[in-house]
């Protein structure tokens, strides 16, 4: 579980910004059978995988790369390719800002509060 950056002993910038802006979920891709969600307000499980049919399941930093390789349908990987470098940064403990995601240029859905019951 990654809570505080190991070298700087500070909260990640993306997490602080999400808390300040009330961003709980950034849906990168979601269909009935498959989906990928960035949950920047949740340091224990900052990712979610799964579709609206079976629900999304929280994924930890320690498991995300393996779960993407093993369980995320290869036909949909192109939908989240732009986000892969940020996943790697989180795994490696490299800090970044939510502004770096350039969300205004992306087809994403941002949710504040509880996960909706799609």
N, C-alpha and C. Protein backbone atom coordinates (compact mmCIF):
# COMPACT_ATOMS: atom_id res chain seq x y z
N UNK A 1 0.84 -1.17 0.00
CA UNK A 1 0.00 0.00 0.00
C UNK A 1 0.89 1.24 0.00
N UNK A 2 0.68 2.14 -0.93
CA UNK A 2 1.47 3.35 -1.05
C UNK A 2 0.66 4.53 -0.55
N UNK A 3 1.08 5.09 0.55
CA UNK A 3 0.35 6.23 1.10
C UNK A 3 1.16 7.52 0.97
N UNK A 4 2.39 7.47 1.41
CA UNK A 4 3.26 8.64 1.37
C UNK A 4 4.44 8.30 0.47
N UNK A 5 4.84 9.27 -0.35
CA UNK A 5 5.97 9.04 -1.25
C UNK A 5 7.18 8.64 -0.42
N UNK A 6 7.85 7.52 -0.78
CA UNK A 6 8.92 6.99 0.06
C UNK A 6 10.13 7.91 0.21
N UNK A 7 10.49 8.68 -0.82
CA UNK A 7 11.67 9.55 -0.71
C UNK A 7 11.33 10.89 -0.06
N UNK A 8 10.24 11.50 -0.48
CA UNK A 8 9.93 12.85 0.00
C UNK A 8 9.08 12.84 1.27
N UNK A 9 8.49 11.70 1.56
CA UNK A 9 7.61 11.55 2.74
C UNK A 9 6.41 12.49 2.65
N UNK A 10 5.95 12.79 1.43
CA UNK A 10 4.80 13.66 1.22
C UNK A 10 3.71 12.91 0.48
N UNK A 11 2.49 13.40 0.61
CA UNK A 11 1.39 12.86 -0.17
C UNK A 11 1.63 13.17 -1.64
N UNK A 12 1.26 12.27 -2.55
CA UNK A 12 1.41 12.57 -3.98
C UNK A 12 0.57 13.80 -4.36
N UNK A 13 1.10 14.60 -5.26
CA UNK A 13 0.41 15.81 -5.70
C UNK A 13 -0.95 15.48 -6.29
N UNK A 14 -1.03 14.42 -7.13
CA UNK A 14 -2.30 14.05 -7.75
C UNK A 14 -3.36 13.71 -6.71
N UNK A 15 -2.94 13.14 -5.61
CA UNK A 15 -3.88 12.79 -4.53
C UNK A 15 -4.35 14.06 -3.81
N UNK A 16 -3.41 14.93 -3.47
CA UNK A 16 -3.78 16.18 -2.80
C UNK A 16 -4.74 17.00 -3.66
N UNK A 17 -4.42 17.11 -4.96
CA UNK A 17 -5.28 17.87 -5.86
C UNK A 17 -6.67 17.26 -5.97
N UNK A 18 -6.74 15.94 -6.03
CA UNK A 18 -8.04 15.27 -6.12
C UNK A 18 -8.87 15.57 -4.88
N UNK A 19 -8.25 15.52 -3.72
CA UNK A 19 -8.97 15.82 -2.48
C UNK A 19 -9.45 17.27 -2.47
N UNK A 20 -8.58 18.19 -2.88
CA UNK A 20 -8.93 19.61 -2.90
C UNK A 20 -10.06 19.91 -3.90
N UNK A 21 -10.05 19.21 -5.04
CA UNK A 21 -11.02 19.46 -6.10
C UNK A 21 -12.25 18.56 -6.02
N UNK A 22 -12.26 17.65 -5.06
CA UNK A 22 -13.40 16.74 -4.92
C UNK A 22 -13.51 15.73 -6.04
N UNK A 23 -12.38 15.30 -6.58
CA UNK A 23 -12.38 14.31 -7.66
C UNK A 23 -12.15 12.94 -7.05
N UNK A 24 -13.15 12.09 -7.11
CA UNK A 24 -13.02 10.75 -6.56
C UNK A 24 -12.76 9.70 -7.63
N UNK A 25 -13.35 9.88 -8.79
CA UNK A 25 -13.20 8.89 -9.87
C UNK A 25 -13.02 9.59 -11.21
N UNK A 26 -12.09 9.07 -12.00
CA UNK A 26 -11.92 9.52 -13.37
C UNK A 26 -12.09 8.27 -14.23
N UNK A 27 -13.22 8.21 -14.91
CA UNK A 27 -13.52 7.04 -15.73
C UNK A 27 -12.84 7.22 -17.08
N UNK A 28 -11.86 6.38 -17.36
CA UNK A 28 -11.15 6.45 -18.62
C UNK A 28 -11.88 5.68 -19.70
N UNK A 29 -12.49 4.57 -19.29
CA UNK A 29 -13.16 3.69 -20.25
C UNK A 29 -14.12 2.81 -19.47
N UNK A 30 -15.37 2.70 -19.92
CA UNK A 30 -16.33 1.87 -19.20
C UNK A 30 -17.42 1.38 -20.14
N UNK A 31 -17.55 0.06 -20.21
CA UNK A 31 -18.63 -0.57 -20.96
C UNK A 31 -19.29 -1.57 -20.01
N UNK A 32 -20.27 -2.31 -20.51
CA UNK A 32 -20.91 -3.32 -19.67
C UNK A 32 -19.93 -4.39 -19.21
N UNK A 33 -18.99 -4.76 -20.08
CA UNK A 33 -18.11 -5.87 -19.75
C UNK A 33 -16.71 -5.50 -19.32
N UNK A 34 -16.27 -4.28 -19.56
CA UNK A 34 -14.88 -3.91 -19.30
C UNK A 34 -14.80 -2.44 -18.97
N UNK A 35 -13.83 -2.08 -18.12
CA UNK A 35 -13.64 -0.68 -17.80
C UNK A 35 -12.37 -0.46 -17.00
N UNK A 36 -11.96 0.81 -16.99
CA UNK A 36 -10.79 1.20 -16.20
C UNK A 36 -11.05 2.58 -15.61
N UNK A 37 -10.83 2.70 -14.30
CA UNK A 37 -11.11 3.92 -13.56
C UNK A 37 -9.89 4.29 -12.72
N UNK A 38 -9.53 5.57 -12.74
CA UNK A 38 -8.50 6.10 -11.84
C UNK A 38 -9.23 6.72 -10.67
N UNK A 39 -8.85 6.33 -9.46
CA UNK A 39 -9.50 6.79 -8.23
C UNK A 39 -8.48 7.59 -7.41
N UNK A 40 -8.18 8.83 -7.81
CA UNK A 40 -7.07 9.56 -7.20
C UNK A 40 -7.27 9.95 -5.74
N UNK A 41 -8.49 9.90 -5.24
CA UNK A 41 -8.70 10.25 -3.83
C UNK A 41 -8.48 9.04 -2.91
N UNK A 42 -8.23 7.88 -3.50
CA UNK A 42 -8.05 6.65 -2.73
C UNK A 42 -6.63 6.12 -2.90
N UNK A 43 -5.78 6.34 -1.93
CA UNK A 43 -4.39 5.88 -2.04
C UNK A 43 -4.24 4.37 -1.90
N UNK A 44 -5.14 3.74 -1.16
CA UNK A 44 -5.04 2.30 -0.98
C UNK A 44 -5.40 1.55 -2.26
N UNK A 45 -6.45 2.00 -2.94
CA UNK A 45 -6.90 1.39 -4.19
C UNK A 45 -7.14 2.51 -5.22
N UNK A 46 -6.07 3.00 -5.85
CA UNK A 46 -6.23 4.12 -6.77
C UNK A 46 -6.73 3.76 -8.16
N UNK A 47 -7.06 2.49 -8.37
CA UNK A 47 -7.55 2.06 -9.68
C UNK A 47 -8.76 1.15 -9.51
N UNK A 48 -9.59 1.11 -10.54
CA UNK A 48 -10.72 0.21 -10.56
C UNK A 48 -10.79 -0.44 -11.93
N UNK A 49 -11.12 -1.72 -11.96
CA UNK A 49 -11.26 -2.44 -13.23
C UNK A 49 -12.56 -3.22 -13.21
N UNK A 50 -13.16 -3.38 -14.37
CA UNK A 50 -14.40 -4.13 -14.51
C UNK A 50 -15.44 -3.28 -15.22
N UNK A 51 -16.52 -3.88 -15.58
CA UNK A 51 -17.57 -3.17 -16.30
C UNK A 51 -18.78 -2.88 -15.44
N UNK A 52 -19.79 -2.33 -16.07
CA UNK A 52 -21.00 -1.98 -15.33
C UNK A 52 -21.83 -3.21 -15.00
N UNK A 53 -21.66 -4.28 -15.75
CA UNK A 53 -22.43 -5.50 -15.48
C UNK A 53 -22.02 -6.16 -14.16
N UNK A 54 -20.75 -6.44 -14.01
CA UNK A 54 -20.27 -7.09 -12.79
C UNK A 54 -19.74 -6.12 -11.77
N UNK A 55 -19.69 -4.85 -12.11
CA UNK A 55 -19.16 -3.84 -11.21
C UNK A 55 -17.65 -3.69 -11.35
N UNK A 56 -17.17 -2.54 -10.97
CA UNK A 56 -15.73 -2.34 -10.99
C UNK A 56 -15.16 -2.81 -9.66
N UNK A 57 -13.94 -3.30 -9.72
CA UNK A 57 -13.29 -3.85 -8.53
C UNK A 57 -12.06 -3.02 -8.23
N UNK A 58 -11.85 -2.64 -6.97
CA UNK A 58 -10.69 -1.84 -6.62
C UNK A 58 -9.39 -2.62 -6.84
N UNK A 59 -8.36 -1.90 -7.30
CA UNK A 59 -7.06 -2.51 -7.56
C UNK A 59 -5.98 -1.65 -6.91
N UNK A 60 -5.07 -2.30 -6.20
CA UNK A 60 -3.99 -1.59 -5.52
C UNK A 60 -2.84 -1.29 -6.47
N UNK A 61 -1.95 -0.41 -6.02
CA UNK A 61 -0.75 -0.07 -6.79
C UNK A 61 0.08 -1.32 -7.04
N UNK A 62 0.19 -2.18 -6.03
CA UNK A 62 1.00 -3.39 -6.15
C UNK A 62 0.49 -4.35 -7.21
N UNK A 63 -0.78 -4.32 -7.50
CA UNK A 63 -1.38 -5.30 -8.42
C UNK A 63 -1.70 -4.77 -9.81
N UNK A 64 -1.69 -3.45 -10.00
CA UNK A 64 -2.27 -2.89 -11.21
C UNK A 64 -1.60 -3.36 -12.49
N UNK A 65 -0.29 -3.38 -12.57
CA UNK A 65 0.36 -3.76 -13.82
C UNK A 65 0.07 -5.22 -14.17
N UNK A 66 0.11 -6.08 -13.18
CA UNK A 66 -0.22 -7.49 -13.42
C UNK A 66 -1.68 -7.65 -13.84
N UNK A 67 -2.58 -6.97 -13.14
CA UNK A 67 -4.00 -7.10 -13.47
C UNK A 67 -4.31 -6.58 -14.87
N UNK A 68 -3.64 -5.51 -15.27
CA UNK A 68 -3.85 -5.00 -16.63
C UNK A 68 -3.40 -6.03 -17.67
N UNK A 69 -2.25 -6.65 -17.43
CA UNK A 69 -1.73 -7.67 -18.35
C UNK A 69 -2.61 -8.91 -18.37
N UNK A 70 -3.04 -9.34 -17.21
CA UNK A 70 -3.74 -10.62 -17.09
C UNK A 70 -5.25 -10.55 -17.34
N UNK A 71 -5.88 -9.45 -16.94
CA UNK A 71 -7.34 -9.43 -16.93
C UNK A 71 -8.00 -8.40 -17.84
N UNK A 72 -7.28 -7.34 -18.21
CA UNK A 72 -7.88 -6.31 -19.04
C UNK A 72 -7.85 -6.78 -20.49
N UNK A 73 -9.00 -6.78 -21.13
CA UNK A 73 -9.11 -7.31 -22.49
C UNK A 73 -8.17 -6.55 -23.44
N UNK A 74 -7.31 -7.28 -24.16
CA UNK A 74 -6.35 -6.62 -25.06
C UNK A 74 -7.00 -5.71 -26.10
N UNK A 75 -8.21 -6.02 -26.51
CA UNK A 75 -8.89 -5.20 -27.50
C UNK A 75 -9.24 -3.80 -27.02
N UNK A 76 -9.22 -3.59 -25.71
CA UNK A 76 -9.56 -2.28 -25.16
C UNK A 76 -8.34 -1.51 -24.65
N UNK A 77 -7.17 -2.09 -24.72
CA UNK A 77 -5.97 -1.42 -24.17
C UNK A 77 -5.71 -0.07 -24.84
N UNK A 78 -6.05 0.04 -26.12
CA UNK A 78 -5.86 1.31 -26.82
C UNK A 78 -6.64 2.45 -26.19
N UNK A 79 -7.73 2.13 -25.50
CA UNK A 79 -8.55 3.15 -24.86
C UNK A 79 -7.83 3.84 -23.70
N UNK A 80 -6.86 3.14 -23.10
CA UNK A 80 -6.17 3.71 -21.93
C UNK A 80 -4.67 3.85 -22.14
N UNK A 81 -4.18 3.64 -23.35
CA UNK A 81 -2.74 3.75 -23.61
C UNK A 81 -2.15 5.07 -23.15
N UNK A 82 -2.90 6.16 -23.34
CA UNK A 82 -2.38 7.47 -22.96
C UNK A 82 -2.12 7.57 -21.46
N UNK A 83 -2.82 6.73 -20.66
CA UNK A 83 -2.71 6.80 -19.21
C UNK A 83 -1.61 5.87 -18.66
N UNK A 84 -1.13 4.96 -19.47
CA UNK A 84 -0.12 3.98 -19.01
C UNK A 84 1.10 4.64 -18.38
N UNK A 85 1.67 5.71 -18.96
CA UNK A 85 2.83 6.33 -18.30
C UNK A 85 2.52 6.83 -16.89
N UNK A 86 1.27 7.24 -16.64
CA UNK A 86 0.90 7.71 -15.31
C UNK A 86 0.73 6.54 -14.34
N UNK A 87 0.24 5.42 -14.83
CA UNK A 87 0.19 4.21 -14.00
C UNK A 87 1.60 3.85 -13.57
N UNK A 88 2.52 3.86 -14.53
CA UNK A 88 3.91 3.52 -14.22
C UNK A 88 4.51 4.50 -13.22
N UNK A 89 4.18 5.79 -13.35
CA UNK A 89 4.68 6.78 -12.39
C UNK A 89 4.17 6.48 -10.98
N UNK A 90 2.90 6.14 -10.87
CA UNK A 90 2.33 5.83 -9.56
C UNK A 90 3.02 4.60 -8.97
N UNK A 91 3.20 3.57 -9.78
CA UNK A 91 3.86 2.35 -9.32
C UNK A 91 5.29 2.64 -8.86
N UNK A 92 5.99 3.51 -9.60
CA UNK A 92 7.40 3.82 -9.29
C UNK A 92 7.55 4.91 -8.23
N UNK A 93 6.43 5.51 -7.81
CA UNK A 93 6.50 6.57 -6.81
C UNK A 93 6.93 7.91 -7.36
N UNK A 94 6.76 8.12 -8.67
CA UNK A 94 7.10 9.40 -9.30
C UNK A 94 5.88 10.31 -9.24
N UNK A 95 6.06 11.49 -8.70
CA UNK A 95 4.95 12.41 -8.50
C UNK A 95 4.56 13.11 -9.81
N UNK A 96 3.29 13.50 -9.90
CA UNK A 96 2.79 14.29 -11.01
C UNK A 96 1.52 15.01 -10.57
N UNK A 97 1.11 15.95 -11.38
CA UNK A 97 -0.09 16.73 -11.11
C UNK A 97 -1.25 16.20 -11.95
N UNK A 98 -2.47 16.36 -11.47
CA UNK A 98 -3.63 16.02 -12.28
C UNK A 98 -3.66 16.84 -13.57
N UNK A 99 -3.08 18.03 -13.53
CA UNK A 99 -3.01 18.85 -14.74
C UNK A 99 -2.21 18.15 -15.84
N UNK A 100 -1.25 17.34 -15.46
CA UNK A 100 -0.43 16.60 -16.43
C UNK A 100 -1.27 15.62 -17.25
N UNK A 101 -2.41 15.21 -16.70
CA UNK A 101 -3.29 14.28 -17.42
C UNK A 101 -4.02 14.94 -18.59
N UNK A 102 -4.07 16.28 -18.58
CA UNK A 102 -4.76 17.04 -19.61
C UNK A 102 -6.18 16.50 -19.84
N UNK A 103 -6.91 16.38 -18.76
CA UNK A 103 -8.24 15.78 -18.80
C UNK A 103 -9.21 16.54 -19.71
N UNK A 104 -9.00 17.83 -19.86
CA UNK A 104 -9.88 18.61 -20.73
C UNK A 104 -9.77 18.18 -22.19
N UNK A 105 -8.69 17.50 -22.54
CA UNK A 105 -8.49 17.02 -23.92
C UNK A 105 -8.94 15.56 -24.09
N UNK A 106 -9.39 14.95 -23.02
CA UNK A 106 -9.71 13.51 -23.03
C UNK A 106 -11.21 13.29 -22.94
N UNK A 107 -11.60 12.13 -23.41
CA UNK A 107 -12.99 11.70 -23.26
C UNK A 107 -13.09 10.88 -21.98
N UNK A 108 -13.19 11.58 -20.87
CA UNK A 108 -13.29 10.94 -19.57
C UNK A 108 -14.50 11.50 -18.84
N UNK A 109 -14.91 10.78 -17.82
CA UNK A 109 -15.99 11.26 -16.96
C UNK A 109 -15.42 11.40 -15.56
N UNK A 110 -15.63 12.55 -14.94
CA UNK A 110 -15.12 12.82 -13.60
C UNK A 110 -16.29 12.78 -12.63
N UNK A 111 -16.10 12.06 -11.53
CA UNK A 111 -17.17 11.89 -10.55
C UNK A 111 -16.67 12.33 -9.18
N UNK A 112 -17.49 13.12 -8.50
CA UNK A 112 -17.24 13.49 -7.12
C UNK A 112 -18.24 12.73 -6.26
N UNK A 113 -17.75 12.19 -5.16
CA UNK A 113 -18.64 11.47 -4.25
C UNK A 113 -18.64 9.98 -4.50
N UNK A 114 -19.75 9.36 -4.12
CA UNK A 114 -19.87 7.90 -4.21
C UNK A 114 -19.93 7.42 -5.64
N UNK A 115 -19.47 6.20 -5.83
CA UNK A 115 -19.54 5.54 -7.14
C UNK A 115 -21.00 5.35 -7.52
N UNK A 116 -21.41 5.82 -8.69
CA UNK A 116 -22.82 5.68 -9.09
C UNK A 116 -23.18 4.23 -9.42
N UNK A 117 -24.41 3.92 -9.28
CA UNK A 117 -24.88 2.57 -9.60
C UNK A 117 -25.29 2.45 -11.06
N UNK A 118 -24.34 2.55 -11.95
CA UNK A 118 -24.63 2.47 -13.38
C UNK A 118 -25.59 1.37 -13.61
